[in-house]
PDB file of N, CA and C in Angstrom:
ATOM      1  N   UNK A   1     -26.459  16.810 -40.004  1.00  0.00           N
ATOM      2  CA  UNK A   1     -25.583  15.914 -40.211  1.00  0.00           C
ATOM      3  C   UNK A   1     -24.435  16.412 -39.482  1.00  0.00           C
ATOM      4  N   UNK A   2     -23.963  17.653 -39.226  1.00  0.00           N
ATOM      5  CA  UNK A   2     -22.911  18.403 -38.842  1.00  0.00           C
ATOM      6  C   UNK A   2     -22.708  18.077 -37.322  1.00  0.00           C
ATOM      7  N   UNK A   3     -23.093  16.773 -36.614  1.00  0.00           N
ATOM      8  CA  UNK A   3     -22.825  16.471 -35.453  1.00  0.00           C
ATOM      9  C   UNK A   3     -21.349  16.414 -34.865  1.00  0.00           C
ATOM     10  N   UNK A   4     -20.710  17.103 -34.067  1.00  0.00           N
ATOM     11  CA  UNK A   4     -19.562  16.527 -33.565  1.00  0.00           C
ATOM     12  C   UNK A   4     -19.640  15.916 -32.597  1.00  0.00           C
ATOM     13  N   UNK A   5     -18.525  14.798 -32.295  1.00  0.00           N
ATOM     14  CA  UNK A   5     -18.387  13.969 -31.280  1.00  0.00           C
ATOM     15  C   UNK A   5     -17.866  14.884 -30.216  1.00  0.00           C
ATOM     16  N   UNK A   6     -18.409  14.414 -28.844  1.00  0.00           N
ATOM     17  CA  UNK A   6     -18.055  15.099 -27.634  1.00  0.00           C
ATOM     18  C   UNK A   6     -16.309  15.112 -27.655  1.00  0.00           C
ATOM     19  N   UNK A   7     -15.693  15.717 -27.316  1.00  0.00           N
ATOM     20  CA  UNK A   7     -13.827  15.340 -27.164  1.00  0.00           C
ATOM     21  C   UNK A   7     -13.733  14.792 -25.968  1.00  0.00           C
ATOM     22  N   UNK A   8     -12.625  13.944 -26.026  1.00  0.00           N
ATOM     23  CA  UNK A   8     -12.303  13.132 -24.730  1.00  0.00           C
ATOM     24  C   UNK A   8     -12.141  14.098 -23.739  1.00  0.00           C
ATOM     25  N   UNK A   9     -12.382  13.886 -22.511  1.00  0.00           N
ATOM     26  CA  UNK A   9     -11.828  14.677 -21.111  1.00  0.00           C
ATOM     27  C   UNK A   9     -11.300  13.856 -20.320  1.00  0.00           C
ATOM     28  N   UNK A  10     -10.465  14.554 -19.734  1.00  0.00           N
ATOM     29  CA  UNK A  10      -9.545  14.031 -18.479  1.00  0.00           C
ATOM     30  C   UNK A  10      -9.659  14.930 -17.195  1.00  0.00           C
ATOM     31  N   UNK A  11      -9.562  14.188 -16.164  1.00  0.00           N
ATOM     32  CA  UNK A  11      -9.317  14.987 -14.812  1.00  0.00           C
ATOM     33  C   UNK A  11      -7.875  14.794 -14.441  1.00  0.00           C
ATOM     34  N   UNK A  12      -7.423  15.903 -13.825  1.00  0.00           N
ATOM     35  CA  UNK A  12      -6.049  15.789 -13.302  1.00  0.00           C
ATOM     36  C   UNK A  12      -5.505  17.229 -12.254  1.00  0.00           C
ATOM     37  N   UNK A  13      -4.397  16.934 -12.036  1.00  0.00           N
ATOM     38  CA  UNK A  13      -4.031  18.117 -11.023  1.00  0.00           C
ATOM     39  C   UNK A  13      -2.850  18.714 -11.860  1.00  0.00           C
ATOM     40  N   UNK A  14      -2.683  20.287 -11.699  1.00  0.00           N
ATOM     41  CA  UNK A  14      -1.926  20.867 -12.158  1.00  0.00           C
ATOM     42  C   UNK A  14      -0.198  20.990 -11.689  1.00  0.00           C
ATOM     43  N   UNK A  15       0.729  20.527 -12.114  1.00  0.00           N
ATOM     44  CA  UNK A  15       1.704  20.282 -11.699  1.00  0.00           C
ATOM     45  C   UNK A  15       2.950  21.303 -11.650  1.00  0.00           C
ATOM     46  N   UNK A  16       2.609  22.094 -13.083  1.00  0.00           N
ATOM     47  CA  UNK A  16       3.333  22.993 -13.276  1.00  0.00           C
ATOM     48  C   UNK A  16       2.685  24.209 -14.161  1.00  0.00           C
ATOM     49  N   UNK A  17       2.976  25.441 -14.147  1.00  0.00           N
ATOM     50  CA  UNK A  17       2.393  26.451 -14.548  1.00  0.00           C
ATOM     51  C   UNK A  17       3.412  27.752 -14.916  1.00  0.00           C
ATOM     52  N   UNK A  18       4.551  27.272 -15.170  1.00  0.00           N
ATOM     53  CA  UNK A  18       5.721  28.244 -15.148  1.00  0.00           C
ATOM     54  C   UNK A  18       5.703  28.755 -16.586  1.00  0.00           C
ATOM     55  N   UNK A  19       5.119  28.075 -17.589  1.00  0.00           N
ATOM     56  CA  UNK A  19       4.986  28.507 -19.164  1.00  0.00           C
ATOM     57  C   UNK A  19       3.940  29.593 -19.402  1.00  0.00           C
ATOM     58  N   UNK A  20       4.019  30.392 -20.388  1.00  0.00           N
ATOM     59  CA  UNK A  20       2.874  31.450 -20.639  1.00  0.00           C
ATOM     60  C   UNK A  20       1.627  30.462 -21.440  1.00  0.00           C
ATOM     61  N   UNK A  21       0.578  30.696 -20.554  1.00  0.00           N
ATOM     62  CA  UNK A  21      -0.730  30.187 -21.399  1.00  0.00           C
ATOM     63  C   UNK A  21      -0.637  28.385 -21.730  1.00  0.00           C
ATOM     64  N   UNK A  22       0.220  27.769 -20.727  1.00  0.00           N
ATOM     65  CA  UNK A  22       0.379  26.209 -20.855  1.00  0.00           C
ATOM     66  C   UNK A  22       0.543  25.871 -19.240  1.00  0.00           C
ATOM     67  N   UNK A  23      -0.252  24.642 -18.960  1.00  0.00           N
ATOM     68  CA  UNK A  23       0.046  24.101 -17.620  1.00  0.00           C
ATOM     69  C   UNK A  23       0.345  22.648 -17.863  1.00  0.00           C
ATOM     70  N   UNK A  24       0.972  22.042 -17.077  1.00  0.00           N
ATOM     71  CA  UNK A  24       1.253  20.663 -17.205  1.00  0.00           C
ATOM     72  C   UNK A  24       0.265  19.751 -16.118  1.00  0.00           C
ATOM     73  N   UNK A  25      -0.565  18.983 -16.766  1.00  0.00           N
ATOM     74  CA  UNK A  25      -1.545  18.395 -15.863  1.00  0.00           C
ATOM     75  C   UNK A  25      -0.960  16.776 -15.640  1.00  0.00           C
ATOM     76  N   UNK A  26      -1.303  16.389 -14.299  1.00  0.00           N
ATOM     77  CA  UNK A  26      -0.602  14.773 -14.196  1.00  0.00           C
ATOM     78  C   UNK A  26      -2.023  14.250 -13.924  1.00  0.00           C
ATOM     79  N   UNK A  27      -2.582  13.041 -14.649  1.00  0.00           N
ATOM     80  CA  UNK A  27      -3.576  12.360 -14.534  1.00  0.00           C
ATOM     81  C   UNK A  27      -3.153  10.924 -14.063  1.00  0.00           C
ATOM     82  N   UNK A  28      -3.879  10.513 -13.078  1.00  0.00           N
ATOM     83  CA  UNK A  28      -3.541   9.230 -12.643  1.00  0.00           C
ATOM     84  C   UNK A  28      -4.808   8.178 -13.172  1.00  0.00           C
ATOM     85  N   UNK A  29      -4.392   6.852 -13.359  1.00  0.00           N
ATOM     86  CA  UNK A  29      -5.380   5.546 -13.230  1.00  0.00           C
ATOM     87  C   UNK A  29      -4.981   4.581 -12.542  1.00  0.00           C
ATOM     88  N   UNK A  30      -6.031   3.729 -12.409  1.00  0.00           N
ATOM     89  CA  UNK A  30      -5.538   2.294 -11.871  1.00  0.00           C
ATOM     90  C   UNK A  30      -5.443   1.261 -12.894  1.00  0.00           C
ATOM     91  N   UNK A  31      -4.591   0.437 -12.829  1.00  0.00           N
ATOM     92  CA  UNK A  31      -4.374  -0.802 -13.783  1.00  0.00           C
ATOM     93  C   UNK A  31      -4.068  -1.980 -12.748  1.00  0.00           C
ATOM     94  N   UNK A  32      -4.993  -3.128 -13.231  1.00  0.00           N
ATOM     95  CA  UNK A  32      -4.755  -4.275 -12.561  1.00  0.00           C
ATOM     96  C   UNK A  32      -3.816  -5.051 -12.975  1.00  0.00           C
ATOM     97  N   UNK A  33      -3.043  -5.396 -12.250  1.00  0.00           N
ATOM     98  CA  UNK A  33      -1.860  -6.023 -12.511  1.00  0.00           C
ATOM     99  C   UNK A  33      -1.876  -7.719 -12.439  1.00  0.00           C
ATOM    100  N   UNK A  34      -1.912  -8.353 -13.903  1.00  0.00           N
ATOM    101  CA  UNK A  34      -2.350  -9.456 -13.883  1.00  0.00           C
ATOM    102  C   UNK A  34      -1.910 -10.659 -13.207  1.00  0.00           C
ATOM    103  N   UNK A  35      -0.966 -10.715 -12.802  1.00  0.00           N
ATOM    104  CA  UNK A  35      -0.115 -11.694 -12.033  1.00  0.00           C
ATOM    105  C   UNK A  35      -0.660 -11.721 -10.555  1.00  0.00           C
ATOM    106  N   UNK A  36      -0.763 -10.835 -10.040  1.00  0.00           N
ATOM    107  CA  UNK A  36      -1.346 -10.657  -8.448  1.00  0.00           C
ATOM    108  C   UNK A  36      -2.576 -10.130  -8.346  1.00  0.00           C
ATOM    109  N   UNK A  37      -3.365  -9.852  -9.225  1.00  0.00           N
ATOM    110  CA  UNK A  37      -4.520  -9.199  -9.126  1.00  0.00           C
ATOM    111  C   UNK A  37      -4.761  -7.952  -8.084  1.00  0.00           C
ATOM    112  N   UNK A  38      -3.963  -7.208  -8.131  1.00  0.00           N
ATOM    113  CA  UNK A  38      -3.925  -5.979  -7.549  1.00  0.00           C
ATOM    114  C   UNK A  38      -3.970  -4.636  -8.355  1.00  0.00           C
ATOM    115  N   UNK A  39      -4.199  -3.831  -7.822  1.00  0.00           N
ATOM    116  CA  UNK A  39      -4.419  -2.309  -8.443  1.00  0.00           C
ATOM    117  C   UNK A  39      -3.116  -1.466  -8.374  1.00  0.00           C
ATOM    118  N   UNK A  40      -2.594  -1.290  -9.595  1.00  0.00           N
ATOM    119  CA  UNK A  40      -1.480  -0.064  -9.142  1.00  0.00           C
ATOM    120  C   UNK A  40      -1.677   1.128  -9.889  1.00  0.00           C
ATOM    121  N   UNK A  41      -1.087   2.211  -9.542  1.00  0.00           N
ATOM    122  CA  UNK A  41      -1.313   3.408 -10.251  1.00  0.00           C
ATOM    123  C   UNK A  41      -0.361   3.749 -11.292  1.00  0.00           C
ATOM    124  N   UNK A  42      -0.791   4.345 -12.270  1.00  0.00           N
ATOM    125  CA  UNK A  42      -0.225   4.672 -13.182  1.00  0.00           C
ATOM    126  C   UNK A  42      -0.380   6.168 -13.663  1.00  0.00           C
ATOM    127  N   UNK A  43       0.440   6.989 -13.997  1.00  0.00           N
ATOM    128  CA  UNK A  43       0.228   8.599 -14.351  1.00  0.00           C
ATOM    129  C   UNK A  43       0.742   8.859 -15.622  1.00  0.00           C
ATOM    130  N   UNK A  44       0.172   9.909 -16.274  1.00  0.00           N
ATOM    131  CA  UNK A  44       0.586  10.623 -17.370  1.00  0.00           C
ATOM    132  C   UNK A  44       0.601  12.090 -17.307  1.00  0.00           C
ATOM    133  N   UNK A  45       1.778  12.835 -17.829  1.00  0.00           N
ATOM    134  CA  UNK A  45       1.698  14.197 -17.623  1.00  0.00           C
ATOM    135  C   UNK A  45       1.392  14.844 -19.102  1.00  0.00           C
ATOM    136  N   UNK A  46       0.328  15.669 -19.360  1.00  0.00           N
ATOM    137  CA  UNK A  46      -0.286  16.102 -20.654  1.00  0.00           C
ATOM    138  C   UNK A  46       0.040  17.788 -20.386  1.00  0.00           C
ATOM    139  N   UNK A  47       0.500  18.288 -21.344  1.00  0.00           N
ATOM    140  CA  UNK A  47       0.454  19.647 -21.690  1.00  0.00           C
ATOM    141  C   UNK A  47      -0.700  20.194 -22.124  1.00  0.00           C
ATOM    142  N   UNK A  48      -1.454  21.267 -21.529  1.00  0.00           N
ATOM    143  CA  UNK A  48      -2.501  21.655 -21.933  1.00  0.00           C
ATOM    144  C   UNK A  48      -2.527  23.296 -21.854  1.00  0.00           C
ATOM    145  N   UNK A  49      -3.546  23.749 -22.712  1.00  0.00           N
ATOM    146  CA  UNK A  49      -3.559  25.236 -23.003  1.00  0.00           C
ATOM    147  C   UNK A  49      -4.458  26.003 -22.096  1.00  0.00           C
ATOM    148  N   UNK A  50      -4.035  26.988 -21.391  1.00  0.00           N
ATOM    149  CA  UNK A  50      -4.426  27.790 -20.567  1.00  0.00           C
ATOM    150  C   UNK A  50      -4.494  29.262 -20.985  1.00  0.00           C
ATOM    151  N   UNK A  51      -5.708  29.806 -21.836  1.00  0.00           N
ATOM    152  CA  UNK A  51      -5.457  30.766 -22.248  1.00  0.00           C
ATOM    153  C   UNK A  51      -5.607  32.119 -21.293  1.00  0.00           C
ATOM    154  N   UNK A  52      -6.029  31.889 -20.268  1.00  0.00           N
ATOM    155  CA  UNK A  52      -6.327  33.190 -19.216  1.00  0.00           C
ATOM    156  C   UNK A  52      -5.282  33.187 -18.288  1.00  0.00           C
ATOM    157  N   UNK A  53      -4.249  31.868 -18.076  1.00  0.00           N
ATOM    158  CA  UNK A  53      -3.328  31.813 -17.132  1.00  0.00           C
ATOM    159  C   UNK A  53      -4.020  31.649 -15.808  1.00  0.00           C
ATOM    160  N   UNK A  54      -5.221  31.112 -15.717  1.00  0.00           N
ATOM    161  CA  UNK A  54      -6.202  31.012 -14.409  1.00  0.00           C
ATOM    162  C   UNK A  54      -5.747  30.121 -13.365  1.00  0.00           C
ATOM    163  N   UNK A  55      -4.903  28.733 -13.860  1.00  0.00           N
ATOM    164  CA  UNK A  55      -4.835  27.518 -13.095  1.00  0.00           C
ATOM    165  C   UNK A  55      -3.550  27.922 -12.285  1.00  0.00           C
ATOM    166  N   UNK A  56      -3.475  27.290 -11.077  1.00  0.00           N
ATOM    167  CA  UNK A  56      -2.238  27.475 -10.028  1.00  0.00           C
ATOM    168  C   UNK A  56      -2.074  25.921 -10.180  1.00  0.00           C
ATOM    169  N   UNK A  57      -0.686  25.753  -9.414  1.00  0.00           N
ATOM    170  CA  UNK A  57      -0.338  24.597  -8.871  1.00  0.00           C
ATOM    171  C   UNK A  57      -1.273  23.599  -7.901  1.00  0.00           C
ATOM    172  N   UNK A  58      -1.340  22.525  -8.191  1.00  0.00           N
ATOM    173  CA  UNK A  58      -2.184  21.878  -7.262  1.00  0.00           C
ATOM    174  C   UNK A  58      -3.965  22.072  -7.312  1.00  0.00           C
ATOM    175  N   UNK A  59      -4.184  22.898  -8.572  1.00  0.00           N
ATOM    176  CA  UNK A  59      -5.681  22.664  -8.911  1.00  0.00           C
ATOM    177  C   UNK A  59      -6.133  21.711  -9.517  1.00  0.00           C
ATOM    178  N   UNK A  60      -7.239  21.197  -9.218  1.00  0.00           N
ATOM    179  CA  UNK A  60      -7.771  20.128 -10.068  1.00  0.00           C
ATOM    180  C   UNK A  60      -8.481  20.752 -11.312  1.00  0.00           C
ATOM    181  N   UNK A  61      -8.178  20.257 -12.398  1.00  0.00           N
ATOM    182  CA  UNK A  61      -9.039  20.705 -13.674  1.00  0.00           C
ATOM    183  C   UNK A  61      -9.647  19.654 -14.500  1.00  0.00           C
ATOM    184  N   UNK A  62     -10.335  20.059 -15.525  1.00  0.00           N
ATOM    185  CA  UNK A  62     -11.006  19.209 -16.470  1.00  0.00           C
ATOM    186  C   UNK A  62     -10.217  19.448 -17.689  1.00  0.00           C
ATOM    187  N   UNK A  63      -9.315  18.735 -18.421  1.00  0.00           N
ATOM    188  CA  UNK A  63      -8.806  18.763 -19.598  1.00  0.00           C
ATOM    189  C   UNK A  63      -9.713  18.161 -20.736  1.00  0.00           C
ATOM    190  N   UNK A  64      -9.355  18.840 -22.022  1.00  0.00           N
ATOM    191  CA  UNK A  64     -10.469  18.198 -23.324  1.00  0.00           C
ATOM    192  C   UNK A  64      -9.523  18.145 -24.386  1.00  0.00           C
ATOM    193  N   UNK A  65      -9.700  17.004 -25.496  1.00  0.00           N
ATOM    194  CA  UNK A  65      -8.491  16.906 -26.488  1.00  0.00           C
ATOM    195  C   UNK A  65      -8.710  18.053 -27.492  1.00  0.00           C
ATOM    196  N   UNK A  66      -7.907  18.449 -28.192  1.00  0.00           N
ATOM    197  CA  UNK A  66      -8.395  19.461 -29.239  1.00  0.00           C
ATOM    198  C   UNK A  66      -7.145  19.134 -30.250  1.00  0.00           C
ATOM    199  N   UNK A  67      -7.044  20.030 -31.157  1.00  0.00           N
ATOM    200  CA  UNK A  67      -6.570  19.798 -32.414  1.00  0.00           C
ATOM    201  C   UNK A  67      -4.901  20.352 -31.902  1.00  0.00           C
ATOM    202  N   UNK A  68      -3.976  19.693 -32.769  1.00  0.00           N
ATOM    203  CA  UNK A  68      -2.697  20.477 -32.168  1.00  0.00           C
ATOM    204  C   UNK A  68      -2.260  21.719 -32.049  1.00  0.00           C
ATOM    205  N   UNK A  69      -1.801  22.127 -30.977  1.00  0.00           N
ATOM    206  CA  UNK A  69      -1.651  23.690 -30.670  1.00  0.00           C
ATOM    207  C   UNK A  69      -0.207  24.140 -30.703  1.00  0.00           C
ATOM    208  N   UNK A  70       0.673  23.169 -30.502  1.00  0.00           N
ATOM    209  CA  UNK A  70       2.209  23.223 -30.727  1.00  0.00           C
ATOM    210  C   UNK A  70       2.732  21.892 -30.607  1.00  0.00           C
ATOM    211  N   UNK A  71       3.864  21.594 -30.784  1.00  0.00           N
ATOM    212  CA  UNK A  71       4.572  20.467 -30.869  1.00  0.00           C
ATOM    213  C   UNK A  71       4.201  19.166 -29.988  1.00  0.00           C
ATOM    214  N   UNK A  72       4.019  19.631 -28.524  1.00  0.00           N
ATOM    215  CA  UNK A  72       3.436  18.636 -27.724  1.00  0.00           C
ATOM    216  C   UNK A  72       2.139  18.957 -27.271  1.00  0.00           C
ATOM    217  N   UNK A  73       1.567  20.108 -27.510  1.00  0.00           N
ATOM    218  CA  UNK A  73       0.280  20.755 -26.759  1.00  0.00           C
ATOM    219  C   UNK A  73      -1.084  20.150 -27.750  1.00  0.00           C
ATOM    220  N   UNK A  74      -2.022  19.056 -26.977  1.00  0.00           N
ATOM    221  CA  UNK A  74      -2.661  18.842 -27.545  1.00  0.00           C
ATOM    222  C   UNK A  74      -4.140  18.590 -26.789  1.00  0.00           C
ATOM    223  N   UNK A  75      -4.146  19.455 -25.653  1.00  0.00           N
ATOM    224  CA  UNK A  75      -5.302  19.583 -24.933  1.00  0.00           C
ATOM    225  C   UNK A  75      -5.394  20.965 -24.384  1.00  0.00           C
ATOM    226  N   UNK A  76      -6.746  21.404 -24.113  1.00  0.00           N
ATOM    227  CA  UNK A  76      -7.203  22.419 -23.388  1.00  0.00           C
ATOM    228  C   UNK A  76      -7.890  22.118 -21.981  1.00  0.00           C
ATOM    229  N   UNK A  77      -7.697  23.543 -21.267  1.00  0.00           N
ATOM    230  CA  UNK A  77      -8.274  23.374 -20.158  1.00  0.00           C
ATOM    231  C   UNK A  77      -9.619  23.840 -20.112  1.00  0.00           C
ATOM    232  N   UNK A  78     -10.663  22.610 -19.943  1.00  0.00           N
ATOM    233  CA  UNK A  78     -12.072  23.250 -20.169  1.00  0.00           C
ATOM    234  C   UNK A  78     -12.457  23.862 -18.911  1.00  0.00           C
ATOM    235  N   UNK A  79     -12.318  23.627 -17.803  1.00  0.00           N
ATOM    236  CA  UNK A  79     -12.515  24.358 -16.414  1.00  0.00           C
ATOM    237  C   UNK A  79     -11.570  23.640 -15.275  1.00  0.00           C
ATOM    238  N   UNK A  80     -11.721  24.726 -14.119  1.00  0.00           N
ATOM    239  CA  UNK A  80     -10.967  24.528 -12.966  1.00  0.00           C
ATOM    240  C   UNK A  80     -12.086  24.140 -12.076  1.00  0.00           C
ATOM    241  N   UNK A  81     -11.987  22.542 -11.407  1.00  0.00           N
ATOM    242  CA  UNK A  81     -12.694  22.137 -10.736  1.00  0.00           C
ATOM    243  C   UNK A  81     -12.757  22.230  -9.358  1.00  0.00           C
ATOM    244  N   UNK A  82     -11.186  22.657  -8.935  1.00  0.00           N
ATOM    245  CA  UNK A  82     -11.012  22.761  -7.529  1.00  0.00           C
ATOM    246  C   UNK A  82      -9.789  23.733  -7.374  1.00  0.00           C
ATOM    247  N   UNK A  83      -9.813  24.667  -6.646  1.00  0.00           N
ATOM    248  CA  UNK A  83      -8.760  25.712  -6.461  1.00  0.00           C
ATOM    249  C   UNK A  83      -7.834  24.914  -5.324  1.00  0.00           C
ATOM    250  N   UNK A  84      -6.285  25.121  -5.512  1.00  0.00           N
ATOM    251  CA  UNK A  84      -5.702  24.669  -4.264  1.00  0.00           C
ATOM    252  C   UNK A  84      -5.585  25.403  -3.153  1.00  0.00           C
ATOM    253  N   UNK A  85      -5.556  24.629  -1.878  1.00  0.00           N
ATOM    254  CA  UNK A  85      -5.420  25.416  -0.930  1.00  0.00           C
ATOM    255  C   UNK A  85      -4.420  25.979  -0.512  1.00  0.00           C
TER     256      UNK A  85
END
């Protein structure tokens, strides 16, 4: 009975890694505009915990929801999908 739900995951690009053990990840999604039936991009920035400071600016990462780690940090970096060139 102690089955945990899989945590919510998102993909995004690291925008900043200036803080210690924290990165800012920008995620984009497409939203359909109701009047013109076109898709427009929307983005959100999340603060994610990066324990080993392994992420660099421009890296594509997978982040997962977690318990609150600080005032604004509610995500953890699960894995680095692609390093920046």
